[in-house]
Protein backbone atom coordinates (compact mmCIF):
# COMPACT_ATOMS: atom_id res chain seq x y z
CA MET A 1 9.09 100.70 -6.77
CA LYS A 2 11.56 103.27 -8.14
CA THR A 3 8.84 104.71 -10.38
CA LEU A 4 6.56 105.19 -7.39
CA LEU A 5 9.32 106.90 -5.41
CA VAL A 6 10.07 109.27 -8.29
CA ALA A 7 6.36 110.08 -8.64
CA VAL A 8 6.10 110.88 -4.93
CA ILE A 9 9.18 113.11 -5.01
CA LEU A 10 7.92 114.97 -8.08
CA THR A 11 4.54 115.48 -6.45
CA ILE A 12 6.11 116.89 -3.28
CA CYS A 13 8.44 119.17 -5.23
CA SER A 14 5.73 120.44 -7.55
CA SER A 15 3.28 121.18 -4.74
CA SER A 16 5.84 123.28 -2.87
CA ALA A 17 6.99 125.01 -6.06
CA PHE A 18 3.65 126.79 -6.30
CA ALA A 19 3.56 128.15 -2.74
CA THR A 20 2.45 131.77 -2.63
CA VAL A 21 2.67 134.44 0.04
CA ARG A 22 -0.83 135.35 1.23
CA THR A 23 -1.23 138.43 3.43
CA TRP A 24 -4.15 138.76 5.85
CA ASP A 25 -6.08 142.02 5.60
CA GLY A 26 -9.06 141.01 7.74
CA GLY A 27 -11.53 142.66 5.35
CA GLY A 28 -14.12 139.89 5.38
CA ALA A 29 -17.35 139.62 7.32
CA ASP A 30 -15.91 136.81 9.45
CA THR A 31 -12.48 135.75 10.74
CA ASN A 32 -12.08 132.53 8.76
CA TRP A 33 -8.88 131.79 6.84
CA GLN A 34 -10.88 130.29 3.96
CA THR A 35 -12.80 133.54 3.40
CA ALA A 36 -11.17 135.17 0.37
CA ALA A 37 -12.17 138.71 1.46
CA ASN A 38 -9.89 138.36 4.50
CA TRP A 39 -6.76 138.22 2.31
CA THR A 40 -5.05 140.81 0.12
CA GLY A 41 -6.39 140.52 -3.42
CA ASP A 42 -9.39 138.58 -2.10
CA VAL A 43 -7.68 135.22 -2.70
CA ALA A 44 -7.76 132.71 0.13
CA PRO A 45 -4.63 130.66 0.84
CA VAL A 46 -4.23 127.00 -0.01
CA ALA A 47 -2.09 124.32 1.60
CA ASN A 48 1.66 125.04 1.58
CA ASP A 49 1.26 128.81 1.10
CA ASP A 50 3.23 131.26 3.24
CA LEU A 51 0.86 133.25 5.47
CA VAL A 52 1.61 136.76 6.72
CA PHE A 53 -0.36 138.56 9.43
CA PRO A 54 0.70 142.24 9.30
CA VAL A 55 0.38 144.99 11.88
CA SER A 56 -1.96 146.92 9.55
CA ALA A 57 -4.92 144.47 9.30
CA ALA A 58 -8.54 145.54 9.71
CA GLN A 59 -9.08 142.84 12.33
CA PHE A 60 -6.71 140.85 14.49
CA ALA A 61 -8.87 137.78 15.10
CA ALA A 62 -8.16 134.96 12.65
CA ASN A 63 -9.79 131.52 12.69
CA ASN A 64 -7.99 128.65 10.96
CA ASN A 65 -10.98 126.80 9.53
CA PHE A 66 -8.91 124.53 7.25
CA GLY A 67 -8.99 120.77 7.77
CA PHE A 68 -7.00 119.18 10.59
CA PHE A 69 -4.03 118.04 8.47
CA THR A 70 -3.69 121.17 6.28
CA THR A 71 -0.16 122.54 6.49
CA PHE A 72 1.39 125.84 5.46
CA SER A 73 5.00 126.57 4.56
CA SER A 74 5.24 129.38 7.11
CA ILE A 75 3.15 131.67 9.28
CA THR A 76 4.56 135.10 10.08
CA ILE A 77 2.93 137.45 12.59
CA GLU A 78 4.48 140.85 12.06
CA GLY A 79 2.72 142.69 14.85
CA GLY A 80 -0.62 143.60 16.33
CA THR A 81 -2.51 141.71 18.97
CA TYR A 82 -3.63 138.68 16.99
CA THR A 83 -5.89 135.99 18.38
CA LEU A 84 -5.55 132.83 16.35
């Protein structure tokens, strides 16, 4: 039982250790969060990333098309008139 608990804790710690800040630029052809072209560097976020929606995006509509239980470390809306 202790081994299982340690494995679970290590998994949780390691998954959050790789969280990255992803900044929305809205440069894609759609508004989906999983579209890489909508994010700076053309890299879509993954679960546990920190998401930033800046005032300087090309589009202010953003559709979270991740699965129902996908979570992110944080979501920051810096400005603009976003529709999520």
